[in-house]
Amino acid sequence: MTFEQLLADPRLKHALVSDVPTPLYHQVYLFLKEKIHLGEIPYGEKMPTEHQLSDVFGVSRITAKRAMDELAEEGYISRHRGKGSHVTYKHRAEQLNAPISGLLESLAIMGRETQVQSLMFRKTIPPLDIQERFGIDGETQLIQSQRVRLSDGIPFGYYGSWTRDIGDAYSEENLLKMSRMDIFRMAGIELHLGKVKQSVTATLSNVDTAMHLGIPTGKPLLVLNRSMYDKNGELFDHMYALYRPDQYQFEMEFSMK
């Protein structure tokens, strides 16, 4: 689902919650901020107008303007009269290097023991931040996937990933019935076991992620970014995941070397 398609979702008009401490303008702000963070509104992209946001979310122009003003104050967008607002944020993650025992096997097990719903699967040109991460130009396409993972019917994780074309094994059909680790093995990818980059941060649920995860807007979420490399040290997959802390706990085992 593209950002334009998401804005056309009629559910957004009723997605904001008025009887919670988080003001409406801040809920709109969180929604847009998360989309910028995830690259769904990429660097340089023109933002929706205040009139469009007002119509999409069913809020006043003043509410929409305040959300946009907050994004501008925090450096996520720039606003120029007559030219509109554009994204100025580029994601730069701090790297944490640490040995993680059993990571790959635990990913495969989780993939086999939980269920997945596909939201989008397509080949497309990625946003600038992803291009830079993969070291590709603006004409190279990657496979973009967005999905929700559930355990016993309860959604616990919202996933997005960018993957190089590794063959027919990596398909939407296989994602619905196999773990991605099993798909990578089936595609003949030999992982660089000493080079898995991962970062963990936190955020608040926006309107979109709240809808898919079945939680109110403004709830805390665990954010995980993971980059995986093949045996030649080339990045072939980057994934981000948003987890409900009431349904998912992330554990790491560190070893001294």
Protein backbone atom coordinates (compact mmCIF):
# COMPACT_ATOMS: atom_id res chain seq x y z
CA MET A 1 0.00 0.00 0.00
CA THR A 2 1.47 3.34 -1.05
CA PHE A 3 1.19 6.47 1.07
CA GLU A 4 -1.29 7.94 -1.42
CA GLN A 5 -3.44 4.81 -1.15
CA LEU A 6 -3.23 4.95 2.63
CA LEU A 7 -4.48 8.53 2.69
CA ALA A 8 -7.44 7.41 0.58
CA ASP A 9 -8.45 4.87 3.23
CA PRO A 10 -11.84 6.06 4.57
CA ARG A 11 -11.06 4.51 7.96
CA LEU A 12 -8.61 7.35 8.66
CA LYS A 13 -11.49 9.79 9.05
CA HIS A 14 -12.60 7.84 12.14
CA ALA A 15 -9.20 6.62 13.35
CA LEU A 16 -8.29 9.51 15.65
CA VAL A 17 -9.31 9.13 19.28
CA SER A 18 -10.71 12.18 21.05
CA ASP A 19 -11.16 10.72 24.54
CA VAL A 20 -7.44 10.11 25.25
CA PRO A 21 -4.77 12.46 26.64
CA THR A 22 -3.00 12.64 23.25
CA PRO A 23 -4.40 15.69 21.36
CA LEU A 24 -5.74 15.21 17.85
CA TYR A 25 -3.01 17.33 16.28
CA HIS A 26 -0.36 15.18 17.97
CA GLN A 27 -1.99 11.99 16.69
CA VAL A 28 -1.79 13.36 13.13
CA TYR A 29 1.81 14.45 13.80
CA LEU A 30 2.75 10.94 15.02
CA PHE A 31 1.20 9.36 11.94
CA LEU A 32 3.18 11.58 9.55
CA LYS A 33 6.39 11.37 11.58
CA GLU A 34 6.32 7.57 11.52
CA LYS A 35 5.73 7.52 7.75
CA ILE A 36 8.75 9.79 7.29
CA HIS A 37 10.87 7.60 9.59
CA LEU A 38 9.96 4.46 7.67
CA GLY A 39 10.71 6.05 4.30
CA GLU A 40 7.11 5.82 3.11
CA ILE A 41 7.24 9.59 2.70
CA PRO A 42 10.83 9.78 1.41
CA TYR A 43 13.33 12.60 1.55
CA GLY A 44 12.35 15.43 -0.81
CA GLU A 45 8.75 14.23 -1.16
CA LYS A 46 6.00 16.85 -1.14
CA MET A 47 3.76 16.57 1.90
CA PRO A 48 -0.05 16.62 1.85
CA THR A 49 -1.54 20.09 2.25
CA GLU A 50 -3.32 21.19 5.41
CA HIS A 51 -6.58 21.04 3.45
CA GLN A 52 -5.88 17.43 2.41
CA LEU A 53 -4.98 16.38 5.95
CA SER A 54 -8.08 18.10 7.29
CA ASP A 55 -10.25 16.17 4.85
CA VAL A 56 -8.47 12.82 5.33
CA PHE A 57 -8.64 12.81 9.14
CA GLY A 58 -11.86 14.79 9.58
CA VAL A 59 -10.16 17.49 11.66
CA SER A 60 -10.01 21.27 11.46
CA ARG A 61 -7.46 23.15 9.39
CA ILE A 62 -6.02 24.50 12.64
CA THR A 63 -5.41 20.94 13.88
CA ALA A 64 -3.76 19.95 10.59
CA LYS A 65 -1.62 23.11 10.59
CA ARG A 66 -0.41 22.48 14.14
CA ALA A 67 0.65 18.92 13.22
CA MET A 68 2.60 20.23 10.22
CA ASP A 69 4.12 23.02 12.32
CA GLU A 70 5.44 20.46 14.81
CA LEU A 71 7.05 18.44 12.02
CA ALA A 72 8.70 21.63 10.72
CA GLU A 73 9.91 22.66 14.20
CA GLU A 74 11.57 19.27 14.69
CA GLY A 75 13.28 19.38 11.28
CA TYR A 76 11.25 16.68 9.54
CA ILE A 77 9.84 18.99 6.87
CA SER A 78 10.44 22.45 5.42
CA ARG A 79 7.55 24.78 4.65
CA HIS A 80 7.64 27.47 1.97
CA ARG A 81 4.73 29.65 0.95
CA GLY A 82 3.64 28.91 -2.60
CA LYS A 83 5.81 25.78 -2.84
CA GLY A 84 4.26 23.59 -0.17
CA SER A 85 5.99 21.41 2.42
CA HIS A 86 8.70 18.87 1.65
CA VAL A 87 10.46 16.17 3.67
CA THR A 88 13.93 17.21 4.81
CA TYR A 89 14.63 14.33 7.21
CA LYS A 90 17.20 11.66 6.38
CA HIS A 91 17.36 8.67 8.69
CA ARG A 92 20.79 8.00 10.16
CA ALA A 93 20.79 5.13 12.62
CA GLU A 94 23.48 4.61 15.22
CA GLN A 95 25.02 1.16 14.93
CA LEU A 96 25.35 -1.30 17.77
CA ASN A 97 27.78 -4.16 17.21
CA ALA A 98 27.22 -7.17 19.43
CA PRO A 99 27.25 -10.96 19.03
CA ILE A 100 23.69 -12.32 19.22
CA SER A 101 23.36 -16.02 19.94
CA GLY A 102 20.75 -17.98 18.07
CA LEU A 103 19.32 -14.95 16.26
CA LEU A 104 18.81 -16.53 12.85
CA GLU A 105 17.27 -19.72 14.17
CA SER A 106 14.90 -17.82 16.46
CA LEU A 107 13.72 -15.79 13.47
CA ALA A 108 12.96 -18.95 11.52
CA ILE A 109 11.08 -20.48 14.46
CA MET A 110 8.95 -17.35 14.95
CA GLY A 111 8.17 -17.34 11.24
CA ARG A 112 6.95 -20.93 11.37
CA GLU A 113 4.91 -20.64 14.57
CA THR A 114 3.05 -17.38 13.85
CA GLN A 115 0.71 -16.19 11.09
CA VAL A 116 1.20 -13.37 8.60
CA GLN A 117 -1.11 -11.06 6.64
CA SER A 118 0.34 -9.35 3.57
CA LEU A 119 -0.46 -5.65 3.12
CA MET A 120 1.74 -4.98 0.11
CA PHE A 121 4.25 -6.81 -2.07
CA ARG A 122 5.76 -5.08 -5.09
CA LYS A 123 8.94 -4.27 -6.96
CA THR A 124 9.64 -0.54 -6.90
CA ILE A 125 12.33 2.14 -6.64
CA PRO A 126 13.02 2.68 -2.92
CA PRO A 127 13.29 6.05 -1.14
CA LEU A 128 16.64 7.83 -0.93
CA ASP A 129 17.55 6.52 2.51
CA ILE A 130 17.12 2.92 1.37
CA GLN A 131 19.05 3.60 -1.86
CA GLU A 132 21.97 4.87 0.18
CA ARG A 133 21.78 1.93 2.57
CA PHE A 134 21.96 -0.58 -0.32
CA GLY A 135 24.45 1.51 -2.34
CA ILE A 136 22.20 1.60 -5.41
CA ASP A 137 21.17 4.33 -7.83
CA GLY A 138 17.76 5.88 -8.30
CA GLU A 139 16.84 3.51 -11.12
CA THR A 140 17.40 0.19 -9.33
CA GLN A 141 14.29 -1.51 -8.02
CA LEU A 142 13.97 -3.54 -4.82
CA ILE A 143 11.14 -5.71 -3.55
CA GLN A 144 9.06 -3.87 -0.95
CA SER A 145 6.89 -5.84 1.44
CA GLN A 146 4.60 -4.74 4.24
CA ARG A 147 2.85 -7.23 6.48
CA VAL A 148 1.36 -7.89 9.90
CA ARG A 149 2.32 -10.90 11.99
CA LEU A 150 -0.11 -12.50 14.41
CA SER A 151 0.02 -15.08 17.18
CA ASP A 152 -3.22 -16.98 17.86
CA GLY A 153 -5.05 -14.37 15.81
CA ILE A 154 -3.70 -11.39 17.78
CA PRO A 155 -1.49 -8.96 15.83
CA PHE A 156 1.83 -8.26 17.52
CA GLY A 157 4.16 -6.94 14.80
CA TYR A 158 3.98 -4.61 11.81
CA TYR A 159 6.79 -5.32 9.33
CA GLY A 160 8.26 -3.59 6.32
CA SER A 161 11.21 -4.80 4.28
CA TRP A 162 13.31 -3.99 1.22
CA THR A 163 14.95 -6.96 -0.51
CA ARG A 164 17.08 -7.45 -3.60
CA ASP A 165 15.62 -9.63 -6.35
CA ILE A 166 16.80 -13.07 -5.21
CA GLY A 167 14.59 -15.10 -7.55
CA ASP A 168 11.11 -16.57 -7.70
CA ALA A 169 11.37 -18.13 -4.24
CA TYR A 170 10.88 -14.73 -2.66
CA SER A 171 7.20 -14.26 -3.46
CA GLU A 172 4.11 -13.02 -1.66
CA GLU A 173 2.69 -16.54 -1.77
CA ASN A 174 5.72 -17.97 0.04
CA LEU A 175 5.73 -15.15 2.60
CA LEU A 176 2.25 -16.25 3.66
CA LYS A 177 3.30 -19.84 4.37
CA MET A 178 7.04 -19.79 5.14
CA SER A 179 9.47 -17.87 7.31
CA ARG A 180 11.66 -15.42 5.45
CA MET A 181 14.74 -17.28 6.72
CA ASP A 182 13.45 -20.47 5.11
CA ILE A 183 12.75 -18.56 1.89
CA PHE A 184 16.28 -17.13 1.85
CA ARG A 185 17.70 -20.64 2.25
CA MET A 186 15.44 -21.96 -0.52
CA ALA A 187 16.66 -19.12 -2.77
CA GLY A 188 20.25 -20.25 -2.20
CA ILE A 189 21.30 -17.24 -0.14
CA GLU A 190 24.29 -18.00 2.06
CA LEU A 191 24.17 -15.61 4.97
CA HIS A 192 27.22 -13.79 6.31
CA LEU A 193 26.84 -15.05 9.89
CA GLY A 194 29.27 -12.48 11.24
CA LYS A 195 27.52 -9.51 9.71
CA VAL A 196 23.97 -8.88 10.89
CA LYS A 197 23.36 -5.25 11.83
CA GLN A 198 20.52 -4.48 14.17
CA SER A 199 19.26 -1.47 16.09
CA VAL A 200 16.44 -1.14 18.62
CA THR A 201 14.56 2.06 19.42
CA ALA A 202 11.04 3.05 20.47
CA THR A 203 8.18 5.10 19.09
CA LEU A 204 4.45 5.70 19.55
CA SER A 205 1.78 4.09 17.40
CA ASN A 206 0.34 6.31 14.71
CA VAL A 207 -3.06 6.00 13.08
CA ASP A 208 -1.87 3.46 10.50
CA THR A 209 0.10 1.13 12.77
CA ALA A 210 -2.57 1.38 15.46
CA MET A 211 -5.23 0.19 13.00
CA HIS A 212 -3.16 -2.77 11.87
CA LEU A 213 -2.00 -3.77 15.36
CA GLY A 214 -5.41 -3.33 16.98
CA ILE A 215 -4.30 -0.75 19.56
CA PRO A 216 -5.14 2.91 20.28
CA THR A 217 -3.11 5.69 18.67
CA GLY A 218 -0.24 6.94 20.81
CA LYS A 219 0.67 3.63 22.44
CA PRO A 220 4.41 2.79 22.81
CA LEU A 221 5.97 0.42 20.28
CA LEU A 222 9.34 -1.29 20.05
CA VAL A 223 11.13 -0.47 16.76
CA LEU A 224 13.66 -2.93 15.36
CA ASN A 225 15.80 -2.35 12.25
CA ARG A 226 17.78 -5.29 10.85
CA SER A 227 20.17 -5.50 7.86
CA MET A 228 21.25 -8.91 6.54
CA TYR A 229 24.21 -9.61 4.25
CA ASP A 230 25.16 -12.50 1.97
CA LYS A 231 28.45 -14.43 2.15
CA ASN A 232 30.12 -11.76 -0.02
CA GLY A 233 29.22 -9.05 2.46
CA GLU A 234 26.56 -7.49 0.20
CA LEU A 235 23.39 -6.18 1.82
CA PHE A 236 20.45 -8.11 0.37
CA ASP A 237 17.67 -7.40 2.89
CA HIS A 238 16.71 -4.59 5.25
CA MET A 239 13.72 -4.92 7.54
CA TYR A 240 12.01 -2.71 10.10
CA ALA A 241 9.48 -4.02 12.59
CA LEU A 242 7.12 -2.31 15.02
CA TYR A 243 6.16 -4.51 17.97
CA ARG A 244 3.46 -4.28 20.61
CA PRO A 245 5.31 -4.58 23.94
CA ASP A 246 2.26 -6.22 25.53
CA GLN A 247 2.47 -9.04 22.96
CA TYR A 248 6.18 -9.28 22.15
CA GLN A 249 9.43 -9.14 24.11
CA PHE A 250 12.84 -8.87 22.46
CA GLU A 251 15.70 -10.67 24.20
CA MET A 252 19.39 -10.68 23.32
CA GLU A 253 22.04 -12.99 24.73
CA PHE A 254 25.53 -11.47 24.77
CA SER A 255 28.73 -13.47 24.92
CA MET A 256 32.20 -12.33 25.98
CA LYS A 257 34.97 -13.01 23.44
